[in-house]
Amino acid sequence: MKKILSLWTAGLFCSLLSAQVPLDMVKQTEYVAKNPFKTSTYKQSPLPIFSQTKDLLPQPIFDEDKGYLDMYWKTWELAFGRFRQPAPGSPFVSNYIDEAFNEALFLWDTGFMTMFCNYAYRYVPGIQSLDNFYYSQMADGEIVREIDEITGQPRSKWAAPGTAASLNHPILAWAELESFRITNDIERLKKIYYPLVAYYYAYNKIKDPISGLYYGSWASMDNSPRLPGMLCSIDTSSEVVLFARCLASIAKITGLDEDSKKFNADADQLTSLINGKLWNDKTGFYYDLNDKEQIHNVKTIAGYWTLVAGIANKAQAGRLATELKDTAEFKRTHMVPTVPASEPEFDPRGSYWRGGVWTPTNIMVIEGLKKYGYDQLASEIALNHLENVYKIFKKTGTVWEFYQPDFVEIGFSEGHKTRADFTGWSACAPIKLFIEHKIGVNIDAPNNMLVWNIASNDNVGINKLAFGSNTVDIICHKPVGKSGKRAVVITAQFPYTLIIHYHNRTITKKIKQGVTNFTI
């Protein structure tokens, strides 16, 4: 531990002096000074009530199995019970969604929770939940892992500021772009840009001066078998690449082209280090770095952050995909375990992060596969996870914190069941994955486009789907008669482009305002 602490100190000192980070670290106070949330105050706003809001939310149509609709609506009902106003005396600046784990807000939990809340962005405090983290930003740019809901201050008992446990999972920029994909809210991107830039440079505090990679900690996956001997983690290092790529995208969207080039250059440099130091070509996988500055040969789901971050080349991505298809590795009854079955400490009951199946890590894997064109495998994993969550919902009436990999059961950890009614990040499965992979609708609001993958042979669609300034109803009716033709009925407030994938065909339609009818 003393060695790791000394390396943290050395890493900060070397980063401050290094010619590789000249002006930007000096400008940290300027970036933080541009944080508009630091001067914000809470404007009293009532919390949404489920019974009054339900009819305004997206209304899925899935006649193939209407039990999925029961799970969808139950999950929303539970989620509405998690919306909070700032406590009396709290400096929080916005209503928010609470993961309901304890009296703190967790950064990476909240980042993932925004991803299902995006589908009700006009009515619920989803992405706005991150405003309270931006408010809490420290003078050196750090945004801590955990903030107290009463005081708004960092909770440092388990993760002191400046440590790898505090600088844990920098996914806020990714979450903001996921929100932008649905809302097309450019003004928000402008507002959060400089707080994110300051946060990005705070990661120099946990940069290893020898390898140039980033320290890991227990806070990533609490009881993972990779922890003993780990120094730098593949997930944190990959997430910093993802952070840089997302900042480059936000800068490009908001007209800061030179910033965009700079962040892409940062990402390129760190990508090269990761591929040089953490890829094992013999096993075809990415690993952590151990305290001897060598590959730490414990395989975990953390290696898949390289896909969503765009680090792997085509061949490397192919080998990672192969691992997901291997029943002796990650393709268990319930995909995808956080530790593959080939690892000695894999627990078929889950045991938290020793094989447990978690919705957020599955989303990370799914989105990473899509980035490399493995859409079919991504959908297989999404549907496998959703179907197992649904089977357990039918038995228990609720959603859970995590699940077992080898049995269709709720997860166990040291003899204790996982948490029930967990509409923290677990709500992403019955809402986000259901809409995107069962209904098959994917939103691209910046390009004014919907992509609809129609797989169900029964009535399927979704009404009151909001994206950007538009609200649409789409339904594909089940085949009628011998022709097998299906009627599609679209209602839209404003024109947009609809791309349908159906039976190996791609159909592009320019949807007009009002009602559009056609057959497929």
Protein backbone atom coordinates (compact mmCIF):
# COMPACT_ATOMS: atom_id res chain seq x y z
CA MET A 1 0.00 0.00 0.00
CA LYS A 2 2.85 2.40 0.83
CA LYS A 3 4.31 1.77 -2.62
CA ILE A 4 0.99 2.54 -4.30
CA LEU A 5 0.51 5.71 -2.27
CA SER A 6 3.99 6.89 -3.12
CA LEU A 7 3.31 6.23 -6.79
CA TRP A 8 0.11 8.26 -6.58
CA THR A 9 2.09 11.16 -5.13
CA ALA A 10 4.82 10.78 -7.72
CA GLY A 11 2.26 10.57 -10.48
CA LEU A 12 0.66 13.85 -9.51
CA PHE A 13 4.04 15.59 -9.15
CA CYS A 14 5.37 14.29 -12.46
CA SER A 15 2.14 15.12 -14.28
CA LEU A 16 2.23 18.70 -13.05
CA LEU A 17 5.79 19.15 -14.24
CA SER A 18 5.60 17.13 -17.43
CA ALA A 19 5.90 18.90 -20.76
CA GLN A 20 3.14 16.60 -21.98
CA VAL A 21 0.52 18.48 -19.95
CA PRO A 22 1.77 22.06 -20.08
CA LEU A 23 -0.90 24.70 -20.20
CA ASP A 24 -4.04 22.77 -19.38
CA MET A 25 -3.16 21.78 -15.82
CA VAL A 26 -2.16 25.38 -15.13
CA LYS A 27 -5.58 26.43 -16.41
CA GLN A 28 -7.48 24.11 -14.04
CA THR A 29 -8.69 26.99 -11.90
CA GLU A 30 -9.92 28.71 -15.05
CA TYR A 31 -11.86 25.62 -16.14
CA VAL A 32 -13.43 25.23 -12.69
CA ALA A 33 -14.26 28.95 -12.66
CA LYS A 34 -16.30 28.36 -15.85
CA ASN A 35 -18.44 25.78 -14.05
CA PRO A 36 -21.93 27.38 -14.06
CA PHE A 37 -23.24 24.91 -11.50
CA LYS A 38 -20.97 26.34 -8.78
CA THR A 39 -23.08 29.50 -8.71
CA SER A 40 -26.44 27.81 -9.25
CA THR A 41 -29.11 27.61 -6.59
CA TYR A 42 -31.98 25.19 -6.31
CA LYS A 43 -35.26 26.38 -7.81
CA GLN A 44 -38.15 24.70 -6.10
CA SER A 45 -39.62 22.12 -8.46
CA PRO A 46 -42.23 19.46 -7.62
CA LEU A 47 -41.36 15.85 -8.11
CA PRO A 48 -43.24 13.94 -10.80
CA ILE A 49 -45.91 11.54 -9.58
CA PHE A 50 -46.16 8.23 -11.40
CA SER A 51 -49.95 8.06 -11.54
CA GLN A 52 -50.08 11.56 -13.03
CA THR A 53 -47.18 11.06 -15.45
CA LYS A 54 -47.69 7.49 -16.68
CA ASP A 55 -49.81 8.46 -19.68
CA LEU A 56 -47.12 10.90 -20.85
CA LEU A 57 -44.31 8.31 -20.86
CA PRO A 58 -43.38 6.18 -23.89
CA GLN A 59 -46.09 3.54 -24.35
CA PRO A 60 -44.59 0.28 -25.70
CA ILE A 61 -46.69 -2.10 -27.80
CA PHE A 62 -45.54 -5.71 -27.54
CA ASP A 63 -48.38 -8.17 -28.10
CA GLU A 64 -45.97 -11.10 -28.37
CA ASP A 65 -45.73 -11.18 -24.57
CA LYS A 66 -47.53 -8.47 -22.65
CA GLY A 67 -45.81 -9.52 -19.46
CA TYR A 68 -42.85 -7.42 -20.60
CA LEU A 69 -45.16 -4.41 -20.40
CA ASP A 70 -45.98 -5.30 -16.80
CA MET A 71 -42.27 -5.30 -15.98
CA TYR A 72 -41.73 -2.04 -17.89
CA TRP A 73 -44.45 -0.20 -15.99
CA LYS A 74 -43.55 -1.69 -12.61
CA THR A 75 -39.98 -0.54 -13.12
CA TRP A 76 -41.09 2.99 -13.92
CA GLU A 77 -43.35 2.98 -10.86
CA LEU A 78 -40.43 1.94 -8.65
CA ALA A 79 -38.16 4.53 -10.29
CA PHE A 80 -40.64 7.31 -9.57
CA GLY A 81 -40.29 6.39 -5.91
CA ARG A 82 -36.55 7.19 -6.21
CA PHE A 83 -36.89 10.79 -7.40
CA ARG A 84 -35.80 13.26 -4.74
CA GLN A 85 -35.73 16.94 -3.96
CA PRO A 86 -32.64 18.32 -2.21
CA ALA A 87 -32.93 17.85 1.55
CA PRO A 88 -33.48 20.96 3.68
CA GLY A 89 -30.13 22.71 4.02
CA SER A 90 -28.54 20.73 1.18
CA PRO A 91 -26.62 22.80 -1.39
CA PHE A 92 -27.81 20.54 -4.22
CA VAL A 93 -28.98 22.48 -7.27
CA SER A 94 -31.44 20.03 -8.83
CA ASN A 95 -33.97 17.32 -8.20
CA TYR A 96 -32.40 13.94 -8.83
CA ILE A 97 -32.82 10.18 -8.93
CA ASP A 98 -31.41 8.24 -6.00
CA GLU A 99 -29.96 4.75 -6.39
CA ALA A 100 -31.37 4.02 -2.88
CA PHE A 101 -28.25 2.19 -1.75
CA ASN A 102 -27.46 4.46 1.19
CA GLU A 103 -27.57 8.16 2.12
CA ALA A 104 -25.09 9.11 -0.60
CA LEU A 105 -25.24 9.61 -4.36
CA PHE A 106 -22.85 7.45 -6.37
CA LEU A 107 -21.33 8.84 -9.54
CA TRP A 108 -21.27 5.81 -11.81
CA ASP A 109 -24.65 4.56 -10.57
CA THR A 110 -26.14 7.95 -11.42
CA GLY A 111 -24.43 8.02 -14.81
CA PHE A 112 -26.12 4.75 -15.79
CA MET A 113 -29.46 5.74 -14.25
CA THR A 114 -29.63 8.73 -16.58
CA MET A 115 -29.63 6.27 -19.49
CA PHE A 116 -33.10 4.91 -18.77
CA CYS A 117 -34.39 8.28 -17.54
CA ASN A 118 -33.49 9.68 -20.98
CA TYR A 119 -36.67 8.06 -22.30
CA ALA A 120 -38.73 10.37 -20.07
CA TYR A 121 -36.46 13.41 -20.24
CA ARG A 122 -39.32 15.90 -20.46
CA TYR A 123 -40.89 14.72 -17.24
CA VAL A 124 -38.32 13.29 -14.81
CA PRO A 125 -35.02 14.48 -13.27
CA GLY A 126 -32.63 12.16 -15.07
CA ILE A 127 -29.61 13.85 -16.64
CA GLN A 128 -30.19 16.78 -14.26
CA SER A 129 -29.10 14.45 -11.45
CA LEU A 130 -25.54 15.00 -12.64
CA ASP A 131 -25.89 18.73 -11.93
CA ASN A 132 -25.37 18.00 -8.24
CA PHE A 133 -22.06 16.29 -9.03
CA TYR A 134 -20.96 19.26 -11.14
CA TYR A 135 -21.90 21.54 -8.24
CA SER A 136 -19.72 19.44 -5.91
CA GLN A 137 -16.63 19.77 -8.16
CA MET A 138 -13.50 20.46 -6.13
CA ALA A 139 -11.13 23.37 -6.77
CA ASP A 140 -8.68 21.11 -8.65
CA GLY A 141 -11.42 19.75 -10.93
CA GLU A 142 -12.06 16.44 -9.22
CA ILE A 143 -15.64 15.16 -9.02
CA VAL A 144 -15.76 12.55 -6.32
CA ARG A 145 -17.27 9.09 -6.47
CA GLU A 146 -19.71 9.63 -3.62
CA ILE A 147 -21.44 12.75 -2.27
CA ASP A 148 -23.56 13.08 0.84
CA GLU A 149 -27.22 13.77 0.07
CA ILE A 150 -27.62 15.99 3.12
CA THR A 151 -24.47 18.12 3.03
CA GLY A 152 -23.50 17.85 -0.66
CA GLN A 153 -19.94 17.14 0.49
CA PRO A 154 -17.64 14.25 -0.52
CA ARG A 155 -18.10 11.12 1.58
CA SER A 156 -14.47 10.21 2.16
CA LYS A 157 -14.70 7.32 4.62
CA TRP A 158 -14.11 4.74 1.89
CA ALA A 159 -12.87 6.88 -0.98
CA ALA A 160 -10.83 9.93 -0.03
CA PRO A 161 -10.55 12.65 -2.70
CA GLY A 162 -7.43 12.33 -4.80
CA THR A 163 -7.34 8.52 -4.63
CA ALA A 164 -8.19 5.96 -7.28
CA ALA A 165 -11.27 4.97 -5.24
CA SER A 166 -12.62 8.51 -5.49
CA LEU A 167 -11.64 9.10 -9.11
CA ASN A 168 -13.67 6.09 -10.10
CA HIS A 169 -15.47 5.45 -13.39
CA PRO A 170 -15.31 8.73 -15.33
CA ILE A 171 -18.43 8.08 -17.41
CA LEU A 172 -20.15 11.47 -17.09
CA ALA A 173 -19.19 12.67 -20.58
CA TRP A 174 -20.47 9.39 -22.05
CA ALA A 175 -23.73 9.79 -20.10
CA GLU A 176 -24.09 13.35 -21.41
CA LEU A 177 -23.67 12.20 -25.02
CA GLU A 178 -26.19 9.40 -24.46
CA SER A 179 -28.63 12.06 -23.27
CA PHE A 180 -27.79 14.27 -26.24
CA ARG A 181 -28.52 11.33 -28.58
CA ILE A 182 -32.14 11.49 -27.42
CA THR A 183 -32.67 15.15 -26.52
CA ASN A 184 -30.44 16.97 -29.05
CA ASP A 185 -29.89 19.57 -26.30
CA ILE A 186 -26.77 21.40 -27.53
CA GLU A 187 -27.13 24.09 -24.87
CA ARG A 188 -26.61 21.49 -22.16
CA LEU A 189 -23.42 20.28 -23.85
CA LYS A 190 -22.12 23.85 -23.80
CA LYS A 191 -23.00 24.15 -20.12
CA ILE A 192 -21.27 20.97 -18.96
CA TYR A 193 -18.20 21.19 -21.21
CA TYR A 194 -15.77 23.07 -18.95
CA PRO A 195 -16.72 21.24 -15.75
CA LEU A 196 -15.97 18.04 -17.65
CA VAL A 197 -12.66 19.37 -18.99
CA ALA A 198 -11.56 20.26 -15.45
CA TYR A 199 -12.66 16.80 -14.27
CA TYR A 200 -10.70 15.15 -17.08
CA TYR A 201 -7.43 16.79 -16.07
CA ALA A 202 -8.00 15.82 -12.43
CA TYR A 203 -7.22 12.26 -13.52
CA ASN A 204 -3.53 13.18 -13.61
CA LYS A 205 -3.69 12.66 -9.84
CA ILE A 206 -3.97 8.89 -10.33
CA LYS A 207 -1.70 8.52 -13.34
CA ASP A 208 1.17 6.07 -12.89
CA PRO A 209 4.40 7.91 -13.84
CA ILE A 210 6.06 4.69 -15.00
CA SER A 211 3.44 3.14 -17.29
CA GLY A 212 1.38 6.25 -18.07
CA LEU A 213 -1.75 4.24 -17.17
CA TYR A 214 -4.26 4.94 -14.40
CA TYR A 215 -4.47 3.38 -10.96
CA GLY A 216 -7.36 1.10 -10.11
CA SER A 217 -9.05 0.31 -6.80
CA TRP A 218 -11.62 -1.85 -5.06
CA ALA A 219 -14.27 0.77 -5.89
CA SER A 220 -14.54 -0.45 -9.47
CA MET A 221 -15.74 -3.97 -8.64
CA ASP A 222 -15.63 -4.37 -4.88
CA ASN A 223 -14.65 -8.02 -4.36
CA SER A 224 -13.23 -8.84 -7.78
CA PRO A 225 -10.48 -11.52 -7.83
CA ARG A 226 -8.30 -9.10 -9.81
CA LEU A 227 -7.78 -6.81 -6.80
CA PRO A 228 -4.81 -8.50 -5.05
CA GLY A 229 -1.67 -7.25 -6.80
CA MET A 230 -3.45 -4.86 -9.17
CA LEU A 231 -1.84 -1.44 -9.73
CA CYS A 232 -3.36 0.09 -12.86
CA SER A 233 -6.76 -1.00 -14.11
CA ILE A 234 -7.87 -1.66 -17.65
CA ASP A 235 -11.31 -0.17 -16.95
CA THR A 236 -10.16 3.15 -15.49
CA SER A 237 -7.49 3.54 -18.18
CA SER A 238 -10.00 2.72 -20.92
CA GLU A 239 -12.59 5.03 -19.41
CA VAL A 240 -10.10 7.90 -19.58
CA VAL A 241 -9.79 7.16 -23.31
CA LEU A 242 -13.59 7.12 -23.55
CA PHE A 243 -13.66 10.39 -21.61
CA ALA A 244 -11.24 12.01 -24.06
CA ARG A 245 -13.18 10.74 -27.10
CA CYS A 246 -16.45 12.04 -25.65
CA LEU A 247 -14.90 15.43 -24.89
CA ALA A 248 -13.61 15.52 -28.46
CA SER A 249 -17.15 14.85 -29.70
CA ILE A 250 -18.70 17.48 -27.44
CA ALA A 251 -16.06 20.01 -28.51
CA LYS A 252 -16.76 19.23 -32.18
CA ILE A 253 -20.52 19.56 -31.73
CA THR A 254 -20.15 22.89 -29.95
CA GLY A 255 -17.69 24.35 -32.46
CA LEU A 256 -14.42 23.94 -30.55
CA ASP A 257 -12.49 22.18 -33.29
CA GLU A 258 -9.00 22.69 -31.84
CA ASP A 259 -10.09 21.26 -28.49
CA SER A 260 -11.57 18.30 -30.35
CA LYS A 261 -8.25 17.58 -32.05
CA LYS A 262 -6.38 17.84 -28.75
CA PHE A 263 -8.64 15.37 -26.92
CA ASN A 264 -8.51 12.93 -29.82
CA ALA A 265 -4.71 13.14 -29.72
CA ASP A 266 -4.79 12.38 -25.98
CA ALA A 267 -7.01 9.38 -26.65
CA ASP A 268 -4.69 8.13 -29.40
CA GLN A 269 -1.67 8.33 -27.12
CA LEU A 270 -3.33 6.46 -24.24
CA THR A 271 -4.78 3.90 -26.64
CA SER A 272 -1.26 3.11 -27.82
CA LEU A 273 -0.07 2.61 -24.22
CA ILE A 274 -2.98 0.31 -23.39
CA ASN A 275 -2.46 -1.82 -26.47
CA GLY A 276 1.26 -2.01 -25.78
CA LYS A 277 1.03 -2.86 -22.08
CA LEU A 278 -2.34 -4.49 -21.33
CA TRP A 279 -3.12 -6.66 -24.37
CA ASN A 280 -2.07 -10.32 -24.18
CA ASP A 281 -1.92 -11.64 -27.73
CA LYS A 282 -1.62 -15.27 -26.61
CA THR A 283 -4.94 -15.22 -24.76
CA GLY A 284 -6.59 -12.54 -26.90
CA PHE A 285 -7.67 -10.37 -23.99
CA TYR A 286 -7.00 -7.12 -22.11
CA TYR A 287 -5.86 -7.24 -18.49
CA ASP A 288 -4.91 -4.93 -15.62
CA LEU A 289 -1.31 -3.99 -14.76
CA ASN A 290 0.12 -5.50 -11.59
CA ASP A 291 2.32 -3.87 -8.97
CA LYS A 292 5.42 -5.13 -10.80
CA GLU A 293 4.37 -3.16 -13.90
CA GLN A 294 3.49 -6.39 -15.74
CA ILE A 295 0.26 -7.85 -17.09
CA HIS A 296 -1.96 -8.99 -14.23
CA ASN A 297 -3.38 -12.22 -15.63
CA VAL A 298 -6.84 -12.22 -14.08
CA LYS A 299 -9.57 -12.05 -16.70
CA THR A 300 -12.65 -9.93 -15.92
CA ILE A 301 -15.38 -8.06 -17.76
CA ALA A 302 -13.31 -4.89 -17.25
CA GLY A 303 -11.42 -5.81 -20.43
CA TYR A 304 -14.51 -4.91 -22.47
CA TRP A 305 -14.27 -1.21 -21.66
CA THR A 306 -11.72 -1.21 -24.50
CA LEU A 307 -14.57 -1.70 -26.98
CA VAL A 308 -16.84 1.14 -25.91
CA ALA A 309 -13.72 3.34 -25.71
CA GLY A 310 -12.68 2.36 -29.27
CA ILE A 311 -9.24 1.07 -28.17
CA ALA A 312 -9.23 -2.38 -29.78
CA ASN A 313 -8.37 -2.81 -33.44
CA LYS A 314 -10.55 -4.99 -35.65
CA ALA A 315 -8.64 -8.19 -34.91
CA GLN A 316 -8.58 -7.55 -31.17
CA ALA A 317 -12.30 -6.80 -31.15
CA GLY A 318 -12.92 -10.08 -32.95
CA ARG A 319 -11.07 -12.04 -30.30
CA LEU A 320 -12.96 -10.28 -27.52
CA ALA A 321 -16.21 -11.14 -29.30
CA THR A 322 -15.13 -14.79 -29.52
CA GLU A 323 -14.71 -14.87 -25.72
CA LEU A 324 -18.34 -13.79 -25.36
CA LYS A 325 -19.48 -16.72 -27.51
CA ASP A 326 -17.53 -19.30 -25.49
CA THR A 327 -19.64 -21.22 -22.96
CA ALA A 328 -16.49 -21.99 -20.96
CA GLU A 329 -15.88 -18.25 -20.58
CA PHE A 330 -18.61 -15.59 -20.67
CA LYS A 331 -21.51 -17.29 -22.47
CA ARG A 332 -23.25 -18.70 -19.44
CA THR A 333 -26.98 -19.27 -18.89
CA HIS A 334 -27.23 -15.58 -18.02
CA MET A 335 -24.77 -13.49 -19.99
CA VAL A 336 -22.36 -11.76 -19.22
CA PRO A 337 -20.69 -12.67 -15.89
CA THR A 338 -18.24 -10.17 -14.49
CA VAL A 339 -15.70 -12.98 -14.16
CA PRO A 340 -15.60 -15.78 -16.73
CA ALA A 341 -16.14 -19.40 -15.73
CA SER A 342 -12.51 -20.19 -16.56
CA GLU A 343 -11.26 -18.12 -13.61
CA PRO A 344 -10.63 -20.11 -10.38
CA GLU A 345 -12.65 -17.68 -8.25
CA PHE A 346 -15.70 -17.66 -10.53
CA ASP A 347 -18.85 -18.26 -8.49
CA PRO A 348 -21.80 -19.71 -10.46
CA ARG A 349 -24.15 -17.95 -7.99
CA GLY A 350 -22.59 -14.57 -8.76
CA SER A 351 -21.00 -13.59 -5.45
CA TYR A 352 -21.24 -9.90 -6.28
CA TRP A 353 -18.37 -9.14 -8.73
CA ARG A 354 -17.01 -12.71 -8.86
CA GLY A 355 -19.38 -13.71 -11.63
CA GLY A 356 -22.51 -11.72 -10.92
CA VAL A 357 -24.40 -10.40 -13.95
CA TRP A 358 -24.96 -6.65 -13.68
CA THR A 359 -27.05 -4.48 -16.00
CA PRO A 360 -24.51 -1.60 -16.26
CA THR A 361 -21.60 -3.79 -17.30
CA ASN A 362 -23.85 -5.56 -19.79
CA ILE A 363 -24.80 -2.20 -21.29
CA MET A 364 -21.10 -1.36 -21.58
CA VAL A 365 -20.46 -4.65 -23.43
CA ILE A 366 -23.50 -4.20 -25.67
CA GLU A 367 -22.59 -0.65 -26.68
CA GLY A 368 -18.98 -1.64 -27.27
CA LEU A 369 -19.97 -4.50 -29.58
CA LYS A 370 -22.27 -2.20 -31.57
CA LYS A 371 -19.38 0.22 -32.08
CA TYR A 372 -17.44 -2.56 -33.87
CA GLY A 373 -20.36 -3.80 -35.95
CA TYR A 374 -21.21 -6.85 -33.82
CA ASP A 375 -24.88 -5.88 -33.72
CA GLN A 376 -26.18 -9.45 -33.73
CA LEU A 377 -24.03 -10.49 -30.77
CA ALA A 378 -24.92 -7.27 -28.95
CA SER A 379 -28.61 -8.00 -29.43
CA GLU A 380 -28.16 -11.61 -28.32
CA ILE A 381 -26.60 -10.44 -25.05
CA ALA A 382 -29.22 -7.72 -24.54
CA LEU A 383 -32.11 -10.13 -25.13
CA ASN A 384 -30.54 -12.87 -23.00
CA HIS A 385 -30.15 -10.44 -20.11
CA LEU A 386 -33.62 -8.97 -20.57
CA GLU A 387 -35.25 -12.40 -20.79
CA ASN A 388 -33.54 -13.63 -17.62
CA VAL A 389 -34.48 -10.44 -15.77
CA TYR A 390 -38.05 -10.98 -16.99
CA LYS A 391 -38.17 -14.63 -15.86
CA ILE A 392 -37.07 -13.57 -12.38
CA PHE A 393 -39.52 -10.67 -12.43
CA LYS A 394 -42.35 -13.13 -13.09
CA LYS A 395 -41.27 -15.12 -10.03
CA THR A 396 -40.57 -12.22 -7.68
CA GLY A 397 -42.48 -9.21 -9.02
CA THR A 398 -39.46 -6.93 -9.07
CA VAL A 399 -35.98 -6.19 -10.44
CA TRP A 400 -32.75 -6.89 -8.58
CA GLU A 401 -29.28 -5.45 -8.05
CA PHE A 402 -27.50 -8.32 -9.82
CA TYR A 403 -28.14 -11.88 -11.00
CA GLN A 404 -26.56 -15.33 -11.07
CA PRO A 405 -24.67 -16.38 -14.22
CA ASP A 406 -25.40 -20.12 -14.20
CA PHE A 407 -28.94 -20.13 -12.84
CA VAL A 408 -32.04 -18.07 -13.51
CA GLU A 409 -31.97 -16.70 -10.01
CA ILE A 410 -31.30 -13.49 -8.13
CA GLY A 411 -27.65 -13.06 -7.17
CA PHE A 412 -26.09 -14.20 -3.92
CA SER A 413 -23.09 -12.72 -2.15
CA GLU A 414 -21.68 -14.35 0.97
CA GLY A 415 -25.04 -15.95 1.65
CA HIS A 416 -27.06 -12.75 1.27
CA LYS A 417 -29.51 -12.03 -1.51
CA THR A 418 -29.04 -9.10 -3.80
CA ARG A 419 -31.12 -5.96 -3.18
CA ALA A 420 -34.71 -5.99 -4.42
CA ASP A 421 -36.62 -3.16 -6.14
CA PHE A 422 -33.26 -1.96 -7.44
CA THR A 423 -34.15 0.86 -9.79
CA GLY A 424 -30.84 2.18 -9.63
CA TRP A 425 -29.06 1.13 -12.76
CA SER A 426 -30.91 -2.21 -13.00
CA ALA A 427 -33.89 -0.26 -14.38
CA CYS A 428 -31.95 0.08 -17.63
CA ALA A 429 -32.90 -3.50 -18.56
CA PRO A 430 -36.73 -3.33 -18.38
CA ILE A 431 -36.78 0.16 -19.93
CA LYS A 432 -33.74 0.93 -22.10
CA LEU A 433 -32.97 -2.60 -23.32
CA PHE A 434 -36.66 -3.36 -23.80
CA ILE A 435 -37.21 -0.31 -26.03
CA GLU A 436 -33.95 -0.71 -27.96
CA HIS A 437 -33.84 -4.50 -28.41
CA LYS A 438 -37.35 -5.96 -27.98
CA ILE A 439 -39.32 -3.10 -29.50
CA GLY A 440 -36.18 -2.46 -31.55
CA VAL A 441 -36.25 1.35 -31.67
CA ASN A 442 -33.04 3.36 -31.50
CA ILE A 443 -33.03 7.16 -31.45
CA ASP A 444 -30.60 9.48 -33.22
CA ALA A 445 -32.05 12.90 -32.43
CA PRO A 446 -29.05 14.96 -33.67
CA ASN A 447 -29.65 13.49 -37.14
CA ASN A 448 -33.46 13.60 -36.74
CA MET A 449 -33.64 9.86 -37.24
CA LEU A 450 -35.13 6.67 -35.79
CA VAL A 451 -33.75 3.23 -36.60
CA TRP A 452 -36.28 0.43 -36.09
CA ASN A 453 -35.23 -3.23 -36.06
CA ILE A 454 -38.48 -5.18 -36.29
CA ALA A 455 -38.09 -8.73 -35.01
CA SER A 456 -41.49 -9.53 -33.48
CA ASN A 457 -44.11 -11.10 -35.74
CA ASP A 458 -46.93 -9.70 -33.62
CA ASN A 459 -48.11 -6.12 -33.15
CA VAL A 460 -45.09 -4.13 -32.04
CA GLY A 461 -44.20 -0.46 -31.66
CA ILE A 462 -44.22 2.45 -29.27
CA ASN A 463 -46.43 5.51 -28.80
CA LYS A 464 -45.53 8.88 -27.29
CA LEU A 465 -41.84 8.39 -27.99
CA ALA A 466 -40.10 11.73 -27.53
CA PHE A 467 -36.81 12.74 -29.12
CA GLY A 468 -35.54 16.26 -29.67
CA SER A 469 -38.63 18.42 -30.12
CA ASN A 470 -40.59 15.61 -31.75
CA THR A 471 -43.10 13.11 -30.38
CA VAL A 472 -44.07 10.11 -32.48
CA ASP A 473 -46.26 7.00 -32.48
CA ILE A 474 -45.05 3.99 -34.47
CA ILE A 475 -46.73 0.61 -34.83
CA CYS A 476 -46.13 -2.35 -37.10
CA HIS A 477 -49.19 -4.61 -37.20
CA LYS A 478 -48.93 -8.38 -37.38
CA PRO A 479 -49.16 -9.97 -40.85
CA VAL A 480 -52.65 -10.27 -42.30
CA GLY A 481 -53.69 -12.81 -44.95
CA LYS A 482 -51.52 -14.95 -47.20
CA SER A 483 -49.40 -12.09 -48.48
CA GLY A 484 -47.61 -11.71 -45.18
CA LYS A 485 -47.67 -7.93 -45.63
CA ARG A 486 -47.69 -5.81 -42.49
CA ALA A 487 -49.28 -2.40 -42.09
CA VAL A 488 -47.10 0.30 -40.54
CA VAL A 489 -48.78 3.39 -39.12
CA ILE A 490 -46.70 6.41 -38.11
CA THR A 491 -47.88 9.62 -36.44
CA ALA A 492 -45.41 12.48 -36.00
CA GLN A 493 -45.45 16.05 -34.75
CA PHE A 494 -42.60 16.95 -37.11
CA PRO A 495 -40.91 15.32 -40.13
CA TYR A 496 -38.02 12.89 -39.57
CA THR A 497 -36.23 9.97 -41.22
CA LEU A 498 -37.22 6.41 -40.29
CA ILE A 499 -34.94 3.49 -41.20
CA ILE A 500 -36.52 0.05 -40.82
CA HIS A 501 -34.59 -3.22 -40.78
CA TYR A 502 -36.93 -6.13 -41.42
CA HIS A 503 -36.28 -9.63 -42.81
CA ASN A 504 -32.81 -8.70 -44.12
CA ARG A 505 -34.21 -5.63 -45.86
CA THR A 506 -33.54 -1.98 -45.13
CA ILE A 507 -36.36 0.46 -45.81
CA THR A 508 -35.83 4.22 -45.55
CA LYS A 509 -38.86 6.47 -45.21
CA LYS A 510 -39.12 10.24 -45.02
CA ILE A 511 -41.87 10.62 -42.46
CA LYS A 512 -44.06 13.70 -42.81
CA GLN A 513 -45.91 15.65 -40.16
CA GLY A 514 -49.20 13.96 -39.31
CA VAL A 515 -50.05 10.37 -40.25
CA THR A 516 -48.06 8.13 -42.62
CA ASN A 517 -49.23 4.65 -43.71
CA PHE A 518 -47.34 1.99 -45.68
CA THR A 519 -46.79 -1.77 -45.77
CA ILE A 520 -43.68 -3.90 -45.45
